[in-house]
Amino acid sequence: MTNFVYCEAYAVNWKRVAVKYFSDDWTTNASKLAYEKSVFTKTLKTNARTDAEITLFDGYIVVYKFVHDLHFFVTAGDDENELILASVLNGFCDSVGLLLRKRTALENLDLILLCIDEIIDGGIILETDANAIAGKVATNAADGSVPFSEQTISQALATAREHLARSLLK
């Protein structure tokens, strides 16, 4: 199970852009920030620009990659498969790259968070294909609607209610 996925922007100081935790290993926000900063500090001097790098840090596997001024990290327990985590990281980096292109990460934080949601749900990996992730996120971001086949029951009922109301008002 993936513990957390996060994306950081690095300028002069370390600054978190987006993070999503899937475990209770870090109970307070201060402990989360301390761990993230220690991982960031350890990996800062590496050259993870072309391929993902893998390291073991405090009993956790950390897979990371730097793309322009963004640093991407995926962390899981030391019993997880590093290749699967690397595919999650590559899917995350590539889908964010496809969606942002020339836009800034902070102005499009919703797209980054939607990417994380499409990739992992409750620590379970759902998708790693960047094109599929970017397609789903772009579809959701463009019109705010979810394809009927992928809606939850409450979303489907809300959609049906909305269509019924529109048909009655015509």
N, C-alpha and C. Protein backbone atom coordinates (compact mmCIF):
# COMPACT_ATOMS: atom_id res chain seq x y z
N MET A 1 0.84 -1.18 0.00
CA MET A 1 0.00 0.00 0.00
C MET A 1 0.89 1.24 0.00
N THR A 2 0.57 2.19 -0.84
CA THR A 2 1.33 3.42 -0.93
C THR A 2 1.02 4.29 0.27
N ASN A 3 2.05 4.82 0.92
CA ASN A 3 1.84 5.66 2.10
C ASN A 3 1.43 7.07 1.70
N PHE A 4 2.19 7.68 0.82
CA PHE A 4 1.77 8.99 0.35
C PHE A 4 2.43 9.33 -0.97
N VAL A 5 1.80 10.26 -1.67
CA VAL A 5 2.31 10.78 -2.92
C VAL A 5 2.34 12.28 -2.74
N TYR A 6 3.45 12.88 -3.10
CA TYR A 6 3.43 14.33 -3.04
C TYR A 6 4.31 14.96 -4.08
N CYS A 7 4.02 16.21 -4.33
CA CYS A 7 4.70 17.00 -5.33
C CYS A 7 5.15 18.27 -4.65
N GLU A 8 6.37 18.68 -4.90
CA GLU A 8 6.90 19.89 -4.29
C GLU A 8 7.42 20.82 -5.37
N ALA A 9 7.34 22.09 -5.09
CA ALA A 9 7.99 23.07 -5.94
C ALA A 9 9.23 23.55 -5.21
N TYR A 10 10.30 23.66 -5.92
CA TYR A 10 11.54 24.08 -5.28
C TYR A 10 12.03 25.35 -5.97
N ALA A 11 12.11 26.39 -5.21
CA ALA A 11 12.72 27.61 -5.72
C ALA A 11 13.96 27.81 -4.86
N VAL A 12 13.91 28.73 -3.91
CA VAL A 12 15.01 28.92 -2.98
C VAL A 12 14.77 28.08 -1.74
N ASN A 13 13.54 28.04 -1.28
CA ASN A 13 13.17 27.27 -0.10
C ASN A 13 12.27 26.12 -0.48
N TRP A 14 12.30 25.10 0.36
CA TRP A 14 11.44 23.95 0.17
C TRP A 14 10.00 24.38 0.40
N LYS A 15 9.09 24.03 -0.52
CA LYS A 15 7.68 24.38 -0.39
C LYS A 15 6.84 23.28 -1.00
N ARG A 16 5.95 22.75 -0.21
CA ARG A 16 5.07 21.68 -0.66
C ARG A 16 3.98 22.27 -1.55
N VAL A 17 3.73 21.61 -2.68
CA VAL A 17 2.66 22.02 -3.58
C VAL A 17 1.41 21.20 -3.29
N ALA A 18 1.55 19.88 -3.31
CA ALA A 18 0.40 19.00 -3.09
C ALA A 18 0.89 17.73 -2.43
N VAL A 19 0.08 17.21 -1.54
CA VAL A 19 0.41 15.94 -0.88
C VAL A 19 -0.88 15.21 -0.56
N LYS A 20 -0.82 13.91 -0.60
CA LYS A 20 -1.95 13.09 -0.20
C LYS A 20 -1.40 11.89 0.53
N TYR A 21 -1.80 11.72 1.79
CA TYR A 21 -1.35 10.62 2.62
C TYR A 21 -2.39 9.51 2.62
N PHE A 22 -1.92 8.27 2.64
CA PHE A 22 -2.81 7.11 2.65
C PHE A 22 -2.56 6.19 3.83
N SER A 23 -1.78 6.64 4.80
CA SER A 23 -1.53 5.83 5.99
C SER A 23 -1.47 6.74 7.21
N ASP A 24 -1.52 6.14 8.37
CA ASP A 24 -1.47 6.90 9.62
C ASP A 24 -0.09 6.82 10.27
N ASP A 25 0.95 6.57 9.48
CA ASP A 25 2.30 6.48 10.03
C ASP A 25 2.77 7.80 10.63
N TRP A 26 2.29 8.89 10.09
CA TRP A 26 2.61 10.22 10.60
C TRP A 26 1.30 10.83 11.08
N THR A 27 1.17 11.01 12.38
CA THR A 27 -0.12 11.39 12.94
C THR A 27 -0.37 12.89 12.95
N THR A 28 0.66 13.69 13.04
CA THR A 28 0.47 15.14 13.09
C THR A 28 1.01 15.78 11.82
N ASN A 29 0.52 16.95 11.56
CA ASN A 29 0.99 17.69 10.39
C ASN A 29 2.47 18.03 10.55
N ALA A 30 2.91 18.31 11.76
CA ALA A 30 4.32 18.63 12.00
C ALA A 30 5.21 17.44 11.68
N SER A 31 4.78 16.23 12.05
CA SER A 31 5.59 15.04 11.74
C SER A 31 5.62 14.77 10.24
N LYS A 32 4.51 15.04 9.56
CA LYS A 32 4.47 14.89 8.11
C LYS A 32 5.44 15.86 7.44
N LEU A 33 5.36 17.12 7.85
CA LEU A 33 6.25 18.12 7.28
C LEU A 33 7.71 17.82 7.56
N ALA A 34 8.02 17.35 8.77
CA ALA A 34 9.40 17.02 9.12
C ALA A 34 9.92 15.88 8.25
N TYR A 35 9.10 14.85 8.05
CA TYR A 35 9.52 13.73 7.21
C TYR A 35 9.72 14.18 5.76
N GLU A 36 8.77 14.96 5.24
CA GLU A 36 8.88 15.44 3.86
C GLU A 36 10.15 16.27 3.68
N LYS A 37 10.42 17.14 4.64
CA LYS A 37 11.61 17.99 4.53
C LYS A 37 12.89 17.16 4.60
N SER A 38 12.91 16.13 5.45
CA SER A 38 14.11 15.29 5.54
C SER A 38 14.31 14.49 4.25
N VAL A 39 13.23 14.01 3.65
CA VAL A 39 13.35 13.31 2.36
C VAL A 39 13.83 14.28 1.29
N PHE A 40 13.27 15.47 1.28
CA PHE A 40 13.66 16.48 0.30
C PHE A 40 15.14 16.83 0.44
N THR A 41 15.59 17.02 1.67
CA THR A 41 16.98 17.37 1.93
C THR A 41 17.92 16.25 1.49
N LYS A 42 17.54 15.01 1.75
CA LYS A 42 18.38 13.87 1.38
C LYS A 42 18.48 13.73 -0.13
N THR A 43 17.41 13.99 -0.85
CA THR A 43 17.39 13.76 -2.29
C THR A 43 17.78 14.97 -3.12
N LEU A 44 17.95 16.11 -2.49
CA LEU A 44 18.20 17.37 -3.22
C LEU A 44 19.43 17.33 -4.09
N LYS A 45 20.49 16.73 -3.63
CA LYS A 45 21.75 16.75 -4.36
C LYS A 45 21.88 15.64 -5.40
N THR A 46 20.85 14.84 -5.58
CA THR A 46 20.90 13.79 -6.59
C THR A 46 20.45 14.35 -7.93
N ASN A 47 20.70 13.59 -8.97
CA ASN A 47 20.33 14.02 -10.31
C ASN A 47 19.23 13.10 -10.83
N ALA A 48 18.03 13.34 -10.40
CA ALA A 48 16.89 12.51 -10.80
C ALA A 48 16.06 13.22 -11.86
N ARG A 49 16.72 13.75 -12.86
CA ARG A 49 16.01 14.51 -13.89
C ARG A 49 15.56 13.64 -15.05
N THR A 50 16.32 12.61 -15.40
CA THR A 50 15.94 11.80 -16.55
C THR A 50 15.15 10.56 -16.15
N ASP A 51 15.60 9.87 -15.13
CA ASP A 51 14.93 8.67 -14.67
C ASP A 51 14.60 8.80 -13.20
N ALA A 52 13.64 8.01 -12.77
CA ALA A 52 13.28 8.00 -11.35
C ALA A 52 14.40 7.35 -10.55
N GLU A 53 14.65 7.88 -9.37
CA GLU A 53 15.63 7.33 -8.44
C GLU A 53 14.88 6.65 -7.31
N ILE A 54 15.49 5.63 -6.74
CA ILE A 54 14.88 4.88 -5.64
C ILE A 54 15.85 4.87 -4.48
N THR A 55 15.36 5.15 -3.28
CA THR A 55 16.19 5.09 -2.10
C THR A 55 15.39 4.53 -0.93
N LEU A 56 16.08 4.04 0.07
CA LEU A 56 15.45 3.57 1.29
C LEU A 56 15.76 4.61 2.36
N PHE A 57 14.72 5.15 2.99
CA PHE A 57 14.90 6.23 3.96
C PHE A 57 13.99 5.99 5.15
N ASP A 58 14.55 5.85 6.33
CA ASP A 58 13.79 5.62 7.57
C ASP A 58 12.82 4.45 7.48
N GLY A 59 13.22 3.40 6.78
CA GLY A 59 12.37 2.21 6.66
C GLY A 59 11.29 2.31 5.60
N TYR A 60 11.35 3.32 4.77
CA TYR A 60 10.37 3.50 3.69
C TYR A 60 11.10 3.58 2.36
N ILE A 61 10.47 3.05 1.33
CA ILE A 61 11.00 3.19 -0.02
C ILE A 61 10.52 4.54 -0.55
N VAL A 62 11.45 5.32 -1.06
CA VAL A 62 11.13 6.62 -1.64
C VAL A 62 11.56 6.59 -3.10
N VAL A 63 10.61 6.81 -3.98
CA VAL A 63 10.88 6.90 -5.41
C VAL A 63 10.63 8.34 -5.80
N TYR A 64 11.58 8.96 -6.49
CA TYR A 64 11.45 10.39 -6.75
C TYR A 64 12.01 10.75 -8.11
N LYS A 65 11.54 11.90 -8.59
CA LYS A 65 11.97 12.42 -9.89
C LYS A 65 11.79 13.92 -9.88
N PHE A 66 12.70 14.63 -10.54
CA PHE A 66 12.63 16.08 -10.63
C PHE A 66 12.32 16.45 -12.07
N VAL A 67 11.29 17.25 -12.25
CA VAL A 67 10.91 17.73 -13.57
C VAL A 67 10.79 19.25 -13.48
N HIS A 68 11.66 19.94 -14.18
CA HIS A 68 11.76 21.39 -14.12
C HIS A 68 11.92 21.83 -12.67
N ASP A 69 10.99 22.62 -12.16
CA ASP A 69 11.11 23.07 -10.77
C ASP A 69 10.21 22.28 -9.82
N LEU A 70 9.66 21.17 -10.29
CA LEU A 70 8.82 20.32 -9.45
C LEU A 70 9.58 19.05 -9.06
N HIS A 71 9.41 18.64 -7.84
CA HIS A 71 9.99 17.40 -7.34
C HIS A 71 8.84 16.48 -6.98
N PHE A 72 8.83 15.29 -7.56
CA PHE A 72 7.76 14.32 -7.34
C PHE A 72 8.29 13.17 -6.49
N PHE A 73 7.50 12.76 -5.50
CA PHE A 73 7.89 11.68 -4.60
C PHE A 73 6.72 10.71 -4.42
N VAL A 74 7.03 9.42 -4.36
CA VAL A 74 6.07 8.39 -3.98
C VAL A 74 6.77 7.57 -2.90
N THR A 75 6.11 7.36 -1.80
CA THR A 75 6.70 6.64 -0.67
C THR A 75 5.80 5.48 -0.27
N ALA A 76 6.43 4.37 0.08
CA ALA A 76 5.69 3.20 0.55
C ALA A 76 6.56 2.42 1.52
N GLY A 77 5.98 1.43 2.18
CA GLY A 77 6.73 0.60 3.10
C GLY A 77 7.82 -0.18 2.38
N ASP A 78 8.79 -0.65 3.14
CA ASP A 78 9.94 -1.32 2.53
C ASP A 78 9.61 -2.70 1.98
N ASP A 79 8.38 -3.17 2.15
CA ASP A 79 7.98 -4.46 1.59
C ASP A 79 7.26 -4.32 0.25
N GLU A 80 7.15 -3.10 -0.27
CA GLU A 80 6.47 -2.87 -1.55
C GLU A 80 7.44 -3.04 -2.71
N ASN A 81 6.90 -3.22 -3.90
CA ASN A 81 7.67 -3.42 -5.12
C ASN A 81 8.13 -2.06 -5.68
N GLU A 82 9.42 -1.89 -5.81
CA GLU A 82 9.98 -0.63 -6.28
C GLU A 82 9.59 -0.31 -7.72
N LEU A 83 9.47 -1.34 -8.55
CA LEU A 83 9.11 -1.12 -9.95
C LEU A 83 7.67 -0.61 -10.09
N ILE A 84 6.78 -1.14 -9.26
CA ILE A 84 5.39 -0.66 -9.27
C ILE A 84 5.35 0.80 -8.83
N LEU A 85 6.10 1.11 -7.76
CA LEU A 85 6.15 2.49 -7.28
C LEU A 85 6.75 3.43 -8.33
N ALA A 86 7.75 2.94 -9.06
CA ALA A 86 8.34 3.75 -10.13
C ALA A 86 7.33 3.99 -11.25
N SER A 87 6.50 3.00 -11.55
CA SER A 87 5.48 3.21 -12.59
C SER A 87 4.40 4.19 -12.11
N VAL A 88 4.08 4.16 -10.82
CA VAL A 88 3.15 5.15 -10.26
C VAL A 88 3.75 6.55 -10.40
N LEU A 89 5.01 6.68 -10.03
CA LEU A 89 5.68 7.98 -10.12
C LEU A 89 5.73 8.48 -11.55
N ASN A 90 6.11 7.62 -12.48
CA ASN A 90 6.18 8.04 -13.88
C ASN A 90 4.81 8.42 -14.43
N GLY A 91 3.78 7.66 -14.04
CA GLY A 91 2.43 8.02 -14.47
C GLY A 91 2.01 9.36 -13.91
N PHE A 92 2.36 9.61 -12.66
CA PHE A 92 2.03 10.89 -12.02
C PHE A 92 2.77 12.04 -12.70
N CYS A 93 4.07 11.91 -12.87
CA CYS A 93 4.87 12.98 -13.50
C CYS A 93 4.40 13.26 -14.92
N ASP A 94 4.21 12.20 -15.69
CA ASP A 94 3.82 12.37 -17.09
C ASP A 94 2.42 12.96 -17.24
N SER A 95 1.48 12.52 -16.40
CA SER A 95 0.12 13.05 -16.50
C SER A 95 0.08 14.52 -16.08
N VAL A 96 0.82 14.89 -15.05
CA VAL A 96 0.90 16.30 -14.65
C VAL A 96 1.54 17.11 -15.77
N GLY A 97 2.58 16.57 -16.38
CA GLY A 97 3.22 17.26 -17.50
C GLY A 97 2.28 17.46 -18.68
N LEU A 98 1.48 16.43 -18.99
CA LEU A 98 0.52 16.55 -20.08
C LEU A 98 -0.55 17.59 -19.79
N LEU A 99 -0.99 17.64 -18.55
CA LEU A 99 -2.07 18.56 -18.19
C LEU A 99 -1.60 20.00 -18.04
N LEU A 100 -0.42 20.20 -17.48
CA LEU A 100 0.03 21.56 -17.20
C LEU A 100 0.66 22.22 -18.41
N ARG A 101 1.45 21.49 -19.16
CA ARG A 101 2.20 22.00 -20.30
C ARG A 101 2.86 23.33 -19.96
N LYS A 102 2.27 24.44 -20.30
CA LYS A 102 2.91 25.74 -20.03
C LYS A 102 2.25 26.49 -18.88
N ARG A 103 1.38 25.83 -18.14
CA ARG A 103 0.72 26.47 -17.00
C ARG A 103 1.51 26.18 -15.74
N THR A 104 1.32 27.00 -14.72
CA THR A 104 2.06 26.80 -13.48
C THR A 104 1.32 25.81 -12.57
N ALA A 105 2.10 25.15 -11.74
CA ALA A 105 1.54 24.13 -10.86
C ALA A 105 0.64 24.74 -9.80
N LEU A 106 1.03 25.84 -9.22
CA LEU A 106 0.23 26.43 -8.14
C LEU A 106 -1.11 26.95 -8.63
N GLU A 107 -1.17 27.44 -9.86
CA GLU A 107 -2.43 27.94 -10.40
C GLU A 107 -3.35 26.79 -10.81
N ASN A 108 -2.79 25.60 -10.97
CA ASN A 108 -3.57 24.44 -11.40
C ASN A 108 -3.44 23.29 -10.42
N LEU A 109 -3.44 23.63 -9.16
CA LEU A 109 -3.31 22.65 -8.10
C LEU A 109 -4.43 21.61 -8.15
N ASP A 110 -5.61 22.01 -8.58
CA ASP A 110 -6.72 21.07 -8.67
C ASP A 110 -6.42 19.93 -9.64
N LEU A 111 -5.70 20.22 -10.73
CA LEU A 111 -5.36 19.18 -11.68
C LEU A 111 -4.36 18.18 -11.08
N ILE A 112 -3.41 18.69 -10.29
CA ILE A 112 -2.43 17.81 -9.65
C ILE A 112 -3.13 16.90 -8.65
N LEU A 113 -4.02 17.47 -7.84
CA LEU A 113 -4.74 16.66 -6.86
C LEU A 113 -5.66 15.64 -7.53
N LEU A 114 -6.28 16.02 -8.64
CA LEU A 114 -7.11 15.08 -9.39
C LEU A 114 -6.27 13.94 -9.96
N CYS A 115 -5.05 14.25 -10.38
CA CYS A 115 -4.14 13.20 -10.87
C CYS A 115 -3.86 12.19 -9.77
N ILE A 116 -3.56 12.69 -8.58
CA ILE A 116 -3.30 11.78 -7.46
C ILE A 116 -4.53 10.92 -7.19
N ASP A 117 -5.71 11.53 -7.22
CA ASP A 117 -6.94 10.78 -6.98
C ASP A 117 -7.20 9.72 -8.05
N GLU A 118 -6.84 10.00 -9.29
CA GLU A 118 -7.04 9.02 -10.36
C GLU A 118 -6.04 7.88 -10.28
N ILE A 119 -4.85 8.15 -9.74
CA ILE A 119 -3.80 7.14 -9.66
C ILE A 119 -4.01 6.21 -8.46
N ILE A 120 -4.28 6.79 -7.29
CA ILE A 120 -4.34 6.02 -6.05
C ILE A 120 -5.63 6.36 -5.30
N ASP A 121 -6.27 5.33 -4.77
CA ASP A 121 -7.46 5.52 -3.95
C ASP A 121 -7.28 4.71 -2.67
N GLY A 122 -7.16 5.39 -1.56
CA GLY A 122 -7.01 4.72 -0.27
C GLY A 122 -5.73 3.91 -0.16
N GLY A 123 -4.70 4.29 -0.90
CA GLY A 123 -3.43 3.57 -0.87
C GLY A 123 -3.34 2.47 -1.90
N ILE A 124 -4.42 2.21 -2.62
CA ILE A 124 -4.45 1.18 -3.65
C ILE A 124 -4.22 1.83 -5.01
N ILE A 125 -3.29 1.28 -5.76
CA ILE A 125 -2.96 1.83 -7.08
C ILE A 125 -4.05 1.43 -8.07
N LEU A 126 -4.63 2.43 -8.74
CA LEU A 126 -5.69 2.18 -9.71
C LEU A 126 -5.22 2.29 -11.15
N GLU A 127 -4.36 3.24 -11.42
CA GLU A 127 -3.97 3.53 -12.81
C GLU A 127 -2.56 4.09 -12.83
N THR A 128 -1.77 3.72 -13.85
CA THR A 128 -0.43 4.28 -14.00
C THR A 128 -0.18 4.82 -15.40
N ASP A 129 -1.12 4.66 -16.30
CA ASP A 129 -0.97 5.15 -17.67
C ASP A 129 -1.24 6.66 -17.71
N ALA A 130 -0.23 7.43 -18.05
CA ALA A 130 -0.32 8.89 -18.01
C ALA A 130 -1.41 9.43 -18.92
N ASN A 131 -1.56 8.85 -20.11
CA ASN A 131 -2.59 9.34 -21.05
C ASN A 131 -3.99 9.09 -20.50
N ALA A 132 -4.21 7.94 -19.89
CA ALA A 132 -5.52 7.65 -19.31
C ALA A 132 -5.81 8.57 -18.13
N ILE A 133 -4.81 8.79 -17.30
CA ILE A 133 -4.98 9.68 -16.14
C ILE A 133 -5.28 11.09 -16.60
N ALA A 134 -4.46 11.60 -17.52
CA ALA A 134 -4.64 12.97 -18.01
C ALA A 134 -5.99 13.12 -18.71
N GLY A 135 -6.42 12.08 -19.44
CA GLY A 135 -7.71 12.13 -20.11
C GLY A 135 -8.86 12.23 -19.13
N LYS A 136 -8.82 11.42 -18.08
CA LYS A 136 -9.88 11.47 -17.08
C LYS A 136 -9.89 12.80 -16.34
N VAL A 137 -8.71 13.28 -15.98
CA VAL A 137 -8.62 14.56 -15.25
C VAL A 137 -9.08 15.70 -16.14
N ALA A 138 -8.66 15.71 -17.39
CA ALA A 138 -9.07 16.78 -18.31
C ALA A 138 -10.56 16.76 -18.54
N THR A 139 -11.15 15.57 -18.64
CA THR A 139 -12.60 15.46 -18.83
C THR A 139 -13.34 16.00 -17.60
N ASN A 140 -12.87 15.60 -16.42
CA ASN A 140 -13.50 16.06 -15.18
C ASN A 140 -13.31 17.55 -14.98
N ALA A 141 -12.15 18.06 -15.33
CA ALA A 141 -11.86 19.48 -15.11
C ALA A 141 -12.59 20.36 -16.12
N ALA A 142 -12.79 19.83 -17.34
CA ALA A 142 -13.39 20.65 -18.39
C ALA A 142 -14.85 20.95 -18.14
N ASP A 143 -15.63 19.94 -17.80
CA ASP A 143 -17.06 20.18 -17.63
C ASP A 143 -17.57 19.82 -16.25
N GLY A 144 -16.70 19.31 -15.40
CA GLY A 144 -17.11 18.99 -14.04
C GLY A 144 -17.97 17.75 -13.94
N SER A 145 -18.22 17.09 -15.07
CA SER A 145 -19.05 15.89 -15.03
C SER A 145 -18.18 14.65 -15.17
N VAL A 146 -18.67 13.57 -14.64
CA VAL A 146 -17.98 12.29 -14.69
C VAL A 146 -18.78 11.40 -15.63
N PRO A 147 -18.13 10.60 -16.50
CA PRO A 147 -18.90 9.69 -17.34
C PRO A 147 -19.82 8.83 -16.48
N PHE A 148 -21.02 8.59 -16.97
CA PHE A 148 -22.05 7.89 -16.19
C PHE A 148 -21.55 6.54 -15.68
N SER A 149 -20.74 5.86 -16.48
CA SER A 149 -20.27 4.53 -16.08
C SER A 149 -19.27 4.59 -14.92
N GLU A 150 -18.69 5.77 -14.65
CA GLU A 150 -17.71 5.90 -13.58
C GLU A 150 -18.24 6.67 -12.38
N GLN A 151 -19.53 6.97 -12.36
CA GLN A 151 -20.10 7.73 -11.26
C GLN A 151 -20.42 6.84 -10.07
N THR A 152 -20.36 7.43 -8.90
CA THR A 152 -20.83 6.72 -7.72
C THR A 152 -22.35 6.75 -7.74
N ILE A 153 -22.96 5.99 -6.85
CA ILE A 153 -24.43 5.95 -6.82
C ILE A 153 -25.01 7.33 -6.54
N SER A 154 -24.42 8.04 -5.59
CA SER A 154 -24.94 9.38 -5.27
C SER A 154 -24.75 10.34 -6.44
N GLN A 155 -23.62 10.22 -7.15
CA GLN A 155 -23.42 11.08 -8.32
C GLN A 155 -24.42 10.72 -9.41
N ALA A 156 -24.67 9.43 -9.61
CA ALA A 156 -25.62 9.00 -10.63
C ALA A 156 -27.03 9.49 -10.31
N LEU A 157 -27.42 9.40 -9.03
CA LEU A 157 -28.74 9.89 -8.63
C LEU A 157 -28.85 11.40 -8.82
N ALA A 158 -27.79 12.12 -8.49
CA ALA A 158 -27.79 13.58 -8.67
C ALA A 158 -27.90 13.94 -10.15
N THR A 159 -27.20 13.20 -11.00
CA THR A 159 -27.26 13.44 -12.44
C THR A 159 -28.66 13.14 -12.97
N ALA A 160 -29.24 12.02 -12.53
CA ALA A 160 -30.59 11.67 -12.96
C ALA A 160 -31.60 12.72 -12.50
N ARG A 161 -31.45 13.19 -11.25
CA ARG A 161 -32.34 14.22 -10.72
C ARG A 161 -32.22 15.51 -11.54
N GLU A 162 -31.00 15.85 -11.90
CA GLU A 162 -30.76 17.07 -12.69
C GLU A 162 -31.39 16.96 -14.07
N HIS A 163 -31.23 15.80 -14.72
CA HIS A 163 -31.83 15.59 -16.04
C HIS A 163 -33.35 15.61 -15.97
N LEU A 164 -33.91 15.03 -14.92
CA LEU A 164 -35.36 15.03 -14.73
C LEU A 164 -35.87 16.45 -14.53
N ALA A 165 -35.18 17.21 -13.71
CA ALA A 165 -35.59 18.59 -13.47
C ALA A 165 -35.54 19.42 -14.75
N ARG A 166 -34.49 19.22 -15.54
CA ARG A 166 -34.37 19.95 -16.81
C ARG A 166 -35.50 19.57 -17.78
N SER A 167 -35.83 18.29 -17.83
CA SER A 167 -36.88 17.85 -18.75
C SER A 167 -38.26 18.37 -18.31
N LEU A 168 -38.48 18.49 -16.99
CA LEU A 168 -39.76 19.01 -16.49
C LEU A 168 -39.89 20.50 -16.71
N LEU A 169 -38.76 21.22 -16.70
CA LEU A 169 -38.79 22.67 -16.89
C LEU A 169 -38.93 23.08 -18.33
N LYS A 170 -38.74 22.17 -19.27
CA LYS A 170 -38.84 22.51 -20.71
C LYS A 170 -40.24 22.73 -21.16
